[in-house]
C-alpha atoms as a PDB file:
ATOM      1  CA  MET A   1     -40.667  24.920  55.867  1.00  0.00           C
ATOM      2  CA  ILE A   2     -37.115  23.701  55.182  1.00  0.00           C
ATOM      3  CA  LYS A   3     -38.443  21.510  52.379  1.00  0.00           C
ATOM      4  CA  GLN A   4     -40.161  24.489  50.777  1.00  0.00           C
ATOM      5  CA  TYR A   5     -37.018  26.611  50.890  1.00  0.00           C
ATOM      6  CA  LEU A   6     -35.148  23.718  49.274  1.00  0.00           C
ATOM      7  CA  GLN A   7     -37.752  23.193  46.546  1.00  0.00           C
ATOM      8  CA  ILE A   8     -37.749  26.853  45.513  1.00  0.00           C
ATOM      9  CA  THR A   9     -34.057  26.531  44.563  1.00  0.00           C
ATOM     10  CA  LYS A  10     -34.921  23.883  41.919  1.00  0.00           C
ATOM     11  CA  PRO A  11     -32.601  21.075  43.150  1.00  0.00           C
ATOM     12  CA  LYS A  12     -32.761  19.143  39.860  1.00  0.00           C
ATOM     13  CA  ILE A  13     -31.399  22.132  37.977  1.00  0.00           C
ATOM     14  CA  ILE A  14     -28.640  22.540  40.554  1.00  0.00           C
ATOM     15  CA  LEU A  15     -27.684  18.865  40.223  1.00  0.00           C
ATOM     16  CA  GLY A  16     -27.534  19.078  36.437  1.00  0.00           C
ATOM     17  CA  ASN A  17     -25.290  22.111  36.651  1.00  0.00           C
ATOM     18  CA  LEU A  18     -22.973  20.438  39.150  1.00  0.00           C
ATOM     19  CA  ILE A  19     -22.355  17.556  36.734  1.00  0.00           C
ATOM     20  CA  SER A  20     -21.189  20.055  34.120  1.00  0.00           C
ATOM     21  CA  VAL A  21     -19.056  21.885  36.701  1.00  0.00           C
ATOM     22  CA  ILE A  22     -17.262  18.622  37.511  1.00  0.00           C
ATOM     23  CA  GLY A  23     -16.750  17.957  33.805  1.00  0.00           C
ATOM     24  CA  GLY A  24     -15.139  21.360  33.224  1.00  0.00           C
ATOM     25  CA  PHE A  25     -13.081  21.153  36.422  1.00  0.00           C
ATOM     26  CA  LEU A  26     -11.630  17.712  35.710  1.00  0.00           C
ATOM     27  CA  LEU A  27     -10.967  18.606  32.085  1.00  0.00           C
ATOM     28  CA  ALA A  28      -8.736  21.467  33.229  1.00  0.00           C
ATOM     29  CA  ALA A  29      -7.249  19.485  36.142  1.00  0.00           C
ATOM     30  CA  LYS A  30      -5.793  16.843  33.785  1.00  0.00           C
ATOM     31  CA  GLY A  31      -5.652  14.264  36.552  1.00  0.00           C
ATOM     32  CA  GLN A  32      -4.142  16.592  39.162  1.00  0.00           C
ATOM     33  CA  ILE A  33      -7.227  17.137  41.313  1.00  0.00           C
ATOM     34  CA  ASP A  34      -7.394  19.655  44.138  1.00  0.00           C
ATOM     35  CA  TYR A  35     -10.367  18.160  45.989  1.00  0.00           C
ATOM     36  CA  THR A  36     -10.743  21.136  48.319  1.00  0.00           C
ATOM     37  CA  LEU A  37     -10.959  23.498  45.358  1.00  0.00           C
ATOM     38  CA  LEU A  38     -13.433  21.160  43.651  1.00  0.00           C
ATOM     39  CA  LEU A  39     -15.663  21.065  46.728  1.00  0.00           C
ATOM     40  CA  VAL A  40     -15.564  24.825  47.184  1.00  0.00           C
ATOM     41  CA  THR A  41     -16.357  25.386  43.511  1.00  0.00           C
ATOM     42  CA  LEU A  42     -19.306  22.982  43.667  1.00  0.00           C
ATOM     43  CA  ILE A  43     -20.709  24.673  46.753  1.00  0.00           C
ATOM     44  CA  GLY A  44     -20.207  28.153  45.310  1.00  0.00           C
ATOM     45  CA  VAL A  45     -21.882  27.271  42.006  1.00  0.00           C
ATOM     46  CA  SER A  46     -24.714  25.485  43.837  1.00  0.00           C
ATOM     47  CA  LEU A  47     -25.461  28.618  45.851  1.00  0.00           C
ATOM     48  CA  MET A  48     -25.176  30.830  42.769  1.00  0.00           C
ATOM     49  CA  VAL A  49     -27.578  28.663  40.747  1.00  0.00           C
ATOM     50  CA  ALA A  50     -29.932  28.355  43.716  1.00  0.00           C
ATOM     51  CA  SER A  51     -30.010  32.140  44.076  1.00  0.00           C
ATOM     52  CA  GLY A  52     -30.767  32.588  40.374  1.00  0.00           C
ATOM     53  CA  CYS A  53     -33.554  30.012  40.511  1.00  0.00           C
ATOM     54  CA  VAL A  54     -35.203  31.674  43.515  1.00  0.00           C
ATOM     55  CA  PHE A  55     -35.053  35.072  41.812  1.00  0.00           C
ATOM     56  CA  ASN A  56     -36.508  33.449  38.680  1.00  0.00           C
ATOM     57  CA  ASN A  57     -39.365  31.973  40.715  1.00  0.00           C
ATOM     58  CA  PHE A  58     -40.056  35.418  42.164  1.00  0.00           C
ATOM     59  CA  ILE A  59     -40.041  37.095  38.755  1.00  0.00           C
ATOM     60  CA  ASP A  60     -42.147  34.408  37.060  1.00  0.00           C
ATOM     61  CA  ARG A  61     -44.768  33.910  39.765  1.00  0.00           C
ATOM     62  CA  ASP A  62     -47.464  35.673  37.714  1.00  0.00           C
ATOM     63  CA  ILE A  63     -46.967  33.494  34.621  1.00  0.00           C
ATOM     64  CA  ASP A  64     -46.222  30.330  36.613  1.00  0.00           C
ATOM     65  CA  GLN A  65     -49.794  30.290  37.892  1.00  0.00           C
ATOM     66  CA  LYS A  66     -51.049  30.129  34.312  1.00  0.00           C
ATOM     67  CA  MET A  67     -49.049  27.046  33.301  1.00  0.00           C
ATOM     68  CA  GLU A  68     -49.920  23.493  34.222  1.00  0.00           C
ATOM     69  CA  ARG A  69     -46.332  22.425  34.887  1.00  0.00           C
ATOM     70  CA  THR A  70     -45.568  25.385  37.186  1.00  0.00           C
ATOM     71  CA  LYS A  71     -48.885  26.109  38.893  1.00  0.00           C
ATOM     72  CA  ASN A  72     -47.829  24.256  42.042  1.00  0.00           C
ATOM     73  CA  ARG A  73     -44.567  26.111  42.612  1.00  0.00           C
ATOM     74  CA  ILE A  74     -43.901  27.435  46.090  1.00  0.00           C
ATOM     75  CA  LEU A  75     -44.498  31.129  45.393  1.00  0.00           C
ATOM     76  CA  VAL A  76     -47.595  30.454  43.310  1.00  0.00           C
ATOM     77  CA  LYS A  77     -49.121  28.546  46.221  1.00  0.00           C
ATOM     78  CA  LYS A  78     -47.912  31.317  48.583  1.00  0.00           C
ATOM     79  CA  LEU A  79     -46.059  28.882  50.843  1.00  0.00           C
ATOM     80  CA  ILE A  80     -43.236  31.425  51.090  1.00  0.00           C
ATOM     81  CA  SER A  81     -43.771  35.164  50.909  1.00  0.00           C
ATOM     82  CA  PRO A  82     -42.265  37.107  47.981  1.00  0.00           C
ATOM     83  CA  LYS A  83     -40.279  39.254  50.427  1.00  0.00           C
ATOM     84  CA  ALA A  84     -38.821  36.204  52.173  1.00  0.00           C
ATOM     85  CA  SER A  85     -37.865  34.686  48.804  1.00  0.00           C
ATOM     86  CA  LEU A  86     -35.977  37.856  47.808  1.00  0.00           C
ATOM     87  CA  ILE A  87     -34.049  37.908  51.073  1.00  0.00           C
ATOM     88  CA  TYR A  88     -33.309  34.191  50.734  1.00  0.00           C
ATOM     89  CA  ALA A  89     -32.110  34.572  47.133  1.00  0.00           C
ATOM     90  CA  THR A  90     -29.900  37.529  48.037  1.00  0.00           C
ATOM     91  CA  ILE A  91     -28.250  35.677  50.919  1.00  0.00           C
ATOM     92  CA  LEU A  92     -27.608  32.607  48.753  1.00  0.00           C
ATOM     93  CA  GLY A  93     -26.059  34.763  46.045  1.00  0.00           C
ATOM     94  CA  ILE A  94     -23.808  36.768  48.355  1.00  0.00           C
ATOM     95  CA  ILE A  95     -22.458  33.634  50.033  1.00  0.00           C
ATOM     96  CA  GLY A  96     -21.982  31.834  46.705  1.00  0.00           C
ATOM     97  CA  PHE A  97     -20.176  34.663  44.950  1.00  0.00           C
ATOM     98  CA  SER A  98     -18.027  35.406  48.008  1.00  0.00           C
ATOM     99  CA  LEU A  99     -17.016  31.771  48.312  1.00  0.00           C
ATOM    100  CA  LEU A 100     -15.970  31.601  44.664  1.00  0.00           C
ATOM    101  CA  TYR A 101     -13.946  34.793  45.039  1.00  0.00           C
ATOM    102  CA  LEU A 102     -12.205  33.918  48.310  1.00  0.00           C
ATOM    103  CA  ALA A 103     -11.635  30.183  47.884  1.00  0.00           C
ATOM    104  CA  ALA A 104     -11.314  29.826  44.094  1.00  0.00           C
ATOM    105  CA  ASN A 105     -10.263  32.944  42.151  1.00  0.00           C
ATOM    106  CA  PRO A 106     -11.721  36.317  41.087  1.00  0.00           C
ATOM    107  CA  LEU A 107     -12.185  35.141  37.484  1.00  0.00           C
ATOM    108  CA  VAL A 108     -14.740  32.468  38.398  1.00  0.00           C
ATOM    109  CA  MET A 109     -16.614  34.935  40.588  1.00  0.00           C
ATOM    110  CA  TRP A 110     -16.932  37.360  37.673  1.00  0.00           C
ATOM    111  CA  LEU A 111     -17.977  34.561  35.350  1.00  0.00           C
ATOM    112  CA  ALA A 112     -20.619  33.579  37.884  1.00  0.00           C
ATOM    113  CA  ILE A 113     -21.813  37.165  38.192  1.00  0.00           C
ATOM    114  CA  MET A 114     -22.056  37.549  34.416  1.00  0.00           C
ATOM    115  CA  GLY A 115     -24.011  34.295  34.122  1.00  0.00           C
ATOM    116  CA  PHE A 116     -26.281  35.442  36.954  1.00  0.00           C
ATOM    117  CA  ILE A 117     -26.927  38.843  35.360  1.00  0.00           C
ATOM    118  CA  VAL A 118     -27.728  37.250  32.012  1.00  0.00           C
ATOM    119  CA  TYR A 119     -30.157  34.745  33.573  1.00  0.00           C
ATOM    120  CA  VAL A 120     -31.902  36.941  36.127  1.00  0.00           C
ATOM    121  CA  GLY A 121     -31.535  40.414  34.687  1.00  0.00           C
ATOM    122  CA  ILE A 122     -31.608  40.013  30.911  1.00  0.00           C
ATOM    123  CA  TYR A 123     -33.429  36.708  30.399  1.00  0.00           C
ATOM    124  CA  SER A 124     -35.926  36.441  33.271  1.00  0.00           C
ATOM    125  CA  LEU A 125     -36.747  40.115  33.781  1.00  0.00           C
ATOM    126  CA  TYR A 126     -37.068  41.127  30.148  1.00  0.00           C
ATOM    127  CA  MET A 127     -36.338  38.903  27.162  1.00  0.00           C
ATOM    128  CA  LYS A 128     -38.342  35.822  28.205  1.00  0.00           C
ATOM    129  CA  ARG A 129     -41.583  37.764  27.806  1.00  0.00           C
ATOM    130  CA  LYS A 130     -40.567  39.839  24.779  1.00  0.00           C
ATOM    131  CA  THR A 131     -38.722  37.845  22.117  1.00  0.00           C
ATOM    132  CA  VAL A 132     -37.986  34.390  20.708  1.00  0.00           C
ATOM    133  CA  HIS A 133     -34.300  35.214  21.063  1.00  0.00           C
ATOM    134  CA  SER A 134     -34.584  34.845  24.836  1.00  0.00           C
ATOM    135  CA  THR A 135     -33.701  31.155  24.513  1.00  0.00           C
ATOM    136  CA  LEU A 136     -30.366  32.005  22.920  1.00  0.00           C
ATOM    137  CA  ILE A 137     -29.558  34.593  25.592  1.00  0.00           C
ATOM    138  CA  GLY A 138     -30.571  32.167  28.322  1.00  0.00           C
ATOM    139  CA  SER A 139     -28.277  29.518  26.871  1.00  0.00           C
ATOM    140  CA  LEU A 140     -25.277  31.733  27.656  1.00  0.00           C
ATOM    141  CA  SER A 141     -26.062  31.667  31.363  1.00  0.00           C
ATOM    142  CA  GLY A 142     -26.635  27.906  31.176  1.00  0.00           C
ATOM    143  CA  SER A 143     -23.112  27.436  29.851  1.00  0.00           C
ATOM    144  CA  ALA A 144     -21.505  29.288  32.775  1.00  0.00           C
ATOM    145  CA  PRO A 145     -21.164  26.359  35.265  1.00  0.00           C
ATOM    146  CA  PRO A 146     -18.790  24.168  33.190  1.00  0.00           C
ATOM    147  CA  VAL A 147     -16.725  27.232  32.265  1.00  0.00           C
ATOM    148  CA  ILE A 148     -16.543  28.172  35.950  1.00  0.00           C
ATOM    149  CA  GLY A 149     -15.400  24.646  36.796  1.00  0.00           C
ATOM    150  CA  TYR A 150     -12.708  24.834  34.121  1.00  0.00           C
ATOM    151  CA  CYS A 151     -11.499  28.315  35.080  1.00  0.00           C
ATOM    152  CA  ALA A 152     -11.415  27.434  38.782  1.00  0.00           C
ATOM    153  CA  VAL A 153      -8.432  25.248  37.856  1.00  0.00           C
ATOM    154  CA  SER A 154      -6.909  27.146  34.925  1.00  0.00           C
ATOM    155  CA  ASN A 155      -7.484  30.655  36.325  1.00  0.00           C
ATOM    156  CA  GLN A 156      -7.715  31.901  32.747  1.00  0.00           C
ATOM    157  CA  PHE A 157     -10.305  32.038  29.992  1.00  0.00           C
ATOM    158  CA  ASP A 158      -8.534  30.174  27.178  1.00  0.00           C
ATOM    159  CA  ILE A 159      -9.522  28.154  24.115  1.00  0.00           C
ATOM    160  CA  GLY A 160     -10.696  25.270  26.299  1.00  0.00           C
ATOM    161  CA  ALA A 161     -13.063  27.563  28.197  1.00  0.00           C
ATOM    162  CA  LEU A 162     -14.367  29.016  24.936  1.00  0.00           C
ATOM    163  CA  ILE A 163     -15.058  25.545  23.513  1.00  0.00           C
ATOM    164  CA  LEU A 164     -16.966  24.591  26.670  1.00  0.00           C
ATOM    165  CA  LEU A 165     -18.990  27.796  26.328  1.00  0.00           C
ATOM    166  CA  LEU A 166     -19.879  26.854  22.749  1.00  0.00           C
ATOM    167  CA  ILE A 167     -20.715  23.223  23.557  1.00  0.00           C
ATOM    168  CA  PHE A 168     -23.065  23.977  26.420  1.00  0.00           C
ATOM    169  CA  SER A 169     -24.673  27.018  24.766  1.00  0.00           C
ATOM    170  CA  LEU A 170     -25.408  25.095  21.586  1.00  0.00           C
ATOM    171  CA  TRP A 171     -26.692  22.114  23.587  1.00  0.00           C
ATOM    172  CA  GLN A 172     -29.168  24.322  25.458  1.00  0.00           C
ATOM    173  CA  MET A 173     -30.967  25.349  22.275  1.00  0.00           C
ATOM    174  CA  PRO A 174     -32.449  22.008  21.070  1.00  0.00           C
ATOM    175  CA  HIS A 175     -32.869  21.011  24.722  1.00  0.00           C
ATOM    176  CA  SER A 176     -34.976  24.134  25.396  1.00  0.00           C
ATOM    177  CA  TYR A 177     -36.860  23.946  22.103  1.00  0.00           C
ATOM    178  CA  ALA A 178     -37.860  20.365  22.894  1.00  0.00           C
ATOM    179  CA  ILE A 179     -39.290  21.536  26.225  1.00  0.00           C
ATOM    180  CA  ALA A 180     -41.170  24.327  24.452  1.00  0.00           C
ATOM    181  CA  ILE A 181     -42.748  21.840  22.031  1.00  0.00           C
ATOM    182  CA  PHE A 182     -44.034  19.329  24.559  1.00  0.00           C
ATOM    183  CA  HIS A 183     -45.214  22.157  26.830  1.00  0.00           C
ATOM    184  CA  LEU A 184     -46.533  24.228  23.930  1.00  0.00           C
ATOM    185  CA  LYS A 185     -49.983  24.805  25.417  1.00  0.00           C
ATOM    186  CA  ASP A 186     -48.482  26.140  28.636  1.00  0.00           C
ATOM    187  CA  TYR A 187     -46.342  28.655  26.768  1.00  0.00           C
ATOM    188  CA  GLN A 188     -49.318  29.702  24.654  1.00  0.00           C
ATOM    189  CA  THR A 189     -51.487  30.165  27.734  1.00  0.00           C
ATOM    190  CA  ALA A 190     -48.831  32.287  29.449  1.00  0.00           C
ATOM    191  CA  SER A 191     -48.097  34.222  26.215  1.00  0.00           C
ATOM    192  CA  ILE A 192     -44.391  33.396  26.338  1.00  0.00           C
ATOM    193  CA  PRO A 193     -42.943  33.982  22.827  1.00  0.00           C
ATOM    194  CA  VAL A 194     -40.822  30.873  22.423  1.00  0.00           C
ATOM    195  CA  LEU A 195     -40.000  29.807  18.868  1.00  0.00           C
ATOM    196  CA  PRO A 196     -42.724  27.136  18.414  1.00  0.00           C
ATOM    197  CA  VAL A 197     -45.360  29.599  19.674  1.00  0.00           C
ATOM    198  CA  LYS A 198     -44.282  32.456  17.396  1.00  0.00           C
ATOM    199  CA  HIS A 199     -43.167  30.583  14.280  1.00  0.00           C
ATOM    200  CA  GLY A 200     -44.560  27.081  14.595  1.00  0.00           C
ATOM    201  CA  ILE A 201     -43.231  23.615  15.317  1.00  0.00           C
ATOM    202  CA  SER A 202     -41.958  23.007  11.772  1.00  0.00           C
ATOM    203  CA  VAL A 203     -39.639  26.012  11.906  1.00  0.00           C
ATOM    204  CA  THR A 204     -38.508  24.949  15.373  1.00  0.00           C
ATOM    205  CA  LYS A 205     -37.563  21.515  14.024  1.00  0.00           C
ATOM    206  CA  HIS A 206     -35.317  23.157  11.430  1.00  0.00           C
ATOM    207  CA  HIS A 207     -33.600  25.165  14.162  1.00  0.00           C
ATOM    208  CA  ILE A 208     -33.149  22.059  16.309  1.00  0.00           C
ATOM    209  CA  ILE A 209     -31.354  20.300  13.452  1.00  0.00           C
ATOM    210  CA  LEU A 210     -29.013  23.238  12.859  1.00  0.00           C
ATOM    211  CA  TYR A 211     -28.139  23.627  16.532  1.00  0.00           C
ATOM    212  CA  ILE A 212     -27.438  19.913  16.952  1.00  0.00           C
ATOM    213  CA  ILE A 213     -25.059  20.057  13.982  1.00  0.00           C
ATOM    214  CA  GLY A 214     -23.375  23.060  15.587  1.00  0.00           C
ATOM    215  CA  PHE A 215     -23.212  21.189  18.884  1.00  0.00           C
ATOM    216  CA  MET A 216     -21.613  18.197  17.164  1.00  0.00           C
ATOM    217  CA  LEU A 217     -18.884  20.346  15.628  1.00  0.00           C
ATOM    218  CA  ALA A 218     -18.228  22.108  18.934  1.00  0.00           C
ATOM    219  CA  THR A 219     -17.865  18.825  20.846  1.00  0.00           C
ATOM    220  CA  LEU A 220     -15.289  17.565  18.353  1.00  0.00           C
ATOM    221  CA  MET A 221     -13.213  20.711  18.850  1.00  0.00           C
ATOM    222  CA  LEU A 222     -12.137  19.537  22.299  1.00  0.00           C
ATOM    223  CA  THR A 223     -10.232  16.636  20.746  1.00  0.00           C
ATOM    224  CA  LEU A 224      -9.073  18.547  17.664  1.00  0.00           C
ATOM    225  CA  SER A 225      -7.646  21.231  19.972  1.00  0.00           C
ATOM    226  CA  GLY A 226      -5.810  18.665  22.076  1.00  0.00           C
ATOM    227  CA  TYR A 227      -7.931  18.771  25.233  1.00  0.00           C
ATOM    228  CA  THR A 228      -9.424  15.271  25.072  1.00  0.00           C
ATOM    229  CA  GLY A 229      -8.541  11.854  23.676  1.00  0.00           C
ATOM    230  CA  TYR A 230     -10.118   9.575  21.117  1.00  0.00           C
ATOM    231  CA  LYS A 231     -12.444   7.817  23.558  1.00  0.00           C
ATOM    232  CA  TYR A 232     -14.111  11.147  24.163  1.00  0.00           C
ATOM    233  CA  LEU A 233     -14.101  11.832  20.416  1.00  0.00           C
ATOM    234  CA  ILE A 234     -15.839   8.565  19.591  1.00  0.00           C
ATOM    235  CA  THR A 235     -18.386   9.102  22.353  1.00  0.00           C
ATOM    236  CA  ALA A 236     -19.066  12.694  21.311  1.00  0.00           C
ATOM    237  CA  ALA A 237     -19.469  11.773  17.645  1.00  0.00           C
ATOM    238  CA  SER A 238     -21.735   8.823  18.431  1.00  0.00           C
ATOM    239  CA  ILE A 239     -23.954  10.825  20.771  1.00  0.00           C
ATOM    240  CA  SER A 240     -24.223  13.758  18.375  1.00  0.00           C
ATOM    241  CA  LEU A 241     -25.112  11.556  15.407  1.00  0.00           C
ATOM    242  CA  TRP A 242     -27.683   9.652  17.463  1.00  0.00           C
ATOM    243  CA  TRP A 243     -29.222  12.903  18.694  1.00  0.00           C
ATOM    244  CA  LEU A 244     -29.271  14.244  15.133  1.00  0.00           C
ATOM    245  CA  GLY A 245     -30.985  11.064  13.949  1.00  0.00           C
ATOM    246  CA  MET A 246     -33.640  11.452  16.639  1.00  0.00           C
ATOM    247  CA  ALA A 247     -34.148  15.076  15.615  1.00  0.00           C
ATOM    248  CA  LEU A 248     -34.574  14.119  11.957  1.00  0.00           C
ATOM    249  CA  GLN A 249     -37.272  11.653  13.003  1.00  0.00           C
ATOM    250  CA  GLY A 250     -39.295  14.707  13.946  1.00  0.00           C
ATOM    251  CA  TYR A 251     -40.104  15.261  10.287  1.00  0.00           C
ATOM    252  CA  LYS A 252     -41.900  11.907  10.298  1.00  0.00           C
ATOM    253  CA  SER A 253     -43.719  12.361  13.598  1.00  0.00           C
ATOM    254  CA  SER A 254     -45.861  15.414  12.921  1.00  0.00           C
ATOM    255  CA  ASN A 255     -48.879  13.582  14.331  1.00  0.00           C
ATOM    256  CA  ASP A 256     -47.167  13.126  17.691  1.00  0.00           C
ATOM    257  CA  ASP A 257     -44.761  16.023  18.097  1.00  0.00           C
ATOM    258  CA  LYS A 258     -45.179  16.021  21.859  1.00  0.00           C
ATOM    259  CA  ALA A 259     -43.897  12.463  22.305  1.00  0.00           C
ATOM    260  CA  TRP A 260     -41.041  13.081  19.857  1.00  0.00           C
ATOM    261  CA  ALA A 261     -39.990  16.272  21.657  1.00  0.00           C
ATOM    262  CA  ARG A 262     -40.063  14.537  25.046  1.00  0.00           C
ATOM    263  CA  LYS A 263     -37.747  11.794  23.769  1.00  0.00           C
ATOM    264  CA  LEU A 264     -35.430  14.415  22.304  1.00  0.00           C
ATOM    265  CA  PHE A 265     -35.391  16.241  25.625  1.00  0.00           C
ATOM    266  CA  ILE A 266     -34.588  13.090  27.624  1.00  0.00           C
ATOM    267  CA  PHE A 267     -31.772  12.164  25.257  1.00  0.00           C
ATOM    268  CA  SER A 268     -30.343  15.687  25.501  1.00  0.00           C
ATOM    269  CA  ILE A 269     -29.804  15.119  29.236  1.00  0.00           C
ATOM    270  CA  ILE A 270     -28.176  11.743  28.587  1.00  0.00           C
ATOM    271  CA  ALA A 271     -25.981  13.341  25.921  1.00  0.00           C
ATOM    272  CA  ILE A 272     -24.618  16.225  27.991  1.00  0.00           C
ATOM    273  CA  THR A 273     -24.114  14.020  31.051  1.00  0.00           C
ATOM    274  CA  SER A 274     -22.169  11.485  28.994  1.00  0.00           C
ATOM    275  CA  LEU A 275     -19.982  14.187  27.496  1.00  0.00           C
ATOM    276  CA  SER A 276     -19.307  15.705  30.922  1.00  0.00           C
ATOM    277  CA  VAL A 277     -18.171  12.303  32.163  1.00  0.00           C
ATOM    278  CA  MET A 278     -16.015  11.573  29.115  1.00  0.00           C
ATOM    279  CA  MET A 279     -14.251  14.935  29.132  1.00  0.00           C
ATOM    280  CA  SER A 280     -13.413  14.189  32.764  1.00  0.00           C
ATOM    281  CA  VAL A 281     -11.932  10.734  32.218  1.00  0.00           C
ATOM    282  CA  ASP A 282     -10.350  11.128  28.786  1.00  0.00           C
ATOM    283  CA  CYS A 283      -8.528  14.416  29.182  1.00  0.00           C
ATOM    284  CA  MET A 284      -5.063  15.043  27.747  1.00  0.00           C
ATOM    285  CA  VAL A 285      -2.054  15.654  29.953  1.00  0.00           C
ATOM    286  CA  PRO A 286       1.374  17.000  29.023  1.00  0.00           C
ATOM    287  CA  ALA A 287       4.110  14.466  28.382  1.00  0.00           C
ATOM    288  CA  SER A 288       7.753  14.804  27.396  1.00  0.00           C
ATOM    289  CA  HIS A 289       6.893  13.794  23.856  1.00  0.00           C
ATOM    290  CA  GLY A 290       3.619  15.469  23.089  1.00  0.00           C
ATOM    291  CA  LEU A 291       0.319  14.573  24.753  1.00  0.00           C
ATOM    292  CA  ILE A 292      -0.929  11.374  26.300  1.00  0.00           C
ATOM    293  CA  SER A 293      -4.441  10.371  27.226  1.00  0.00           C
ATOM    294  CA  CYS A 294      -5.433  10.469  30.875  1.00  0.00           C
ATOM    295  CA  CYS A 295      -8.034   7.772  31.484  1.00  0.00           C
ATOM    296  CA  TRP A 296      -9.041   6.788  34.975  1.00  0.00           C
END
């Protein structure tokens, strides 16, 4: 039973979000790390994301049973009752939000609440089933964890927080579109109006290219705005160009779009993880004569 309650929180999603939280936190910390605050922030975000995922599983249980990749989820197989899942999700959320408020600061709690409302209320409950623009709305909630990590330290929503919001929102788009392409039949079966279902794979490829270019520009802004050093800049530029090159290969792989999209998806995870690490270790710290790089 414990295993089932753990699985319904989508641990892999939680882990991915925690990596971005650490990236945002260490970027703002500039080498001066409050480990207690970091731990509390990680736990709070973990509980918040877990709560959102359980609510999402509850909301999507009717369409999950139609898709091959989700037909074995806990609620679909009725291993946990819907009522129990709602209680569980509510408890996780209350503890997570309270922890962020009491042990971090009110700003991160409100950021977490806004991300939660966007994901559960706007995306999962309504837009996912109604419009292709649901992916864009969902990307806003996906960008909340690194911003929360950053604001846990800074206690303000500044240019650095805004850049992180842009980076992670723009990253989510090609990442999500790649998933939609290699799981196209599932989305068609469940009548979920993602872009490749409504407008075709070719149009989706054009959008992927544009969002990766936007992502590339956003990643460079961290260095141009003085938040990171040149090691981060080189890494960000290299990753973005490589990802763009992979995306452009999609125009030559029309006979095997599924394999191409899967590769693009895998690289998207490598890309955002690498950037999270580099913004952590190549931040910029104040010095008496300008800024110096902080590399650990």
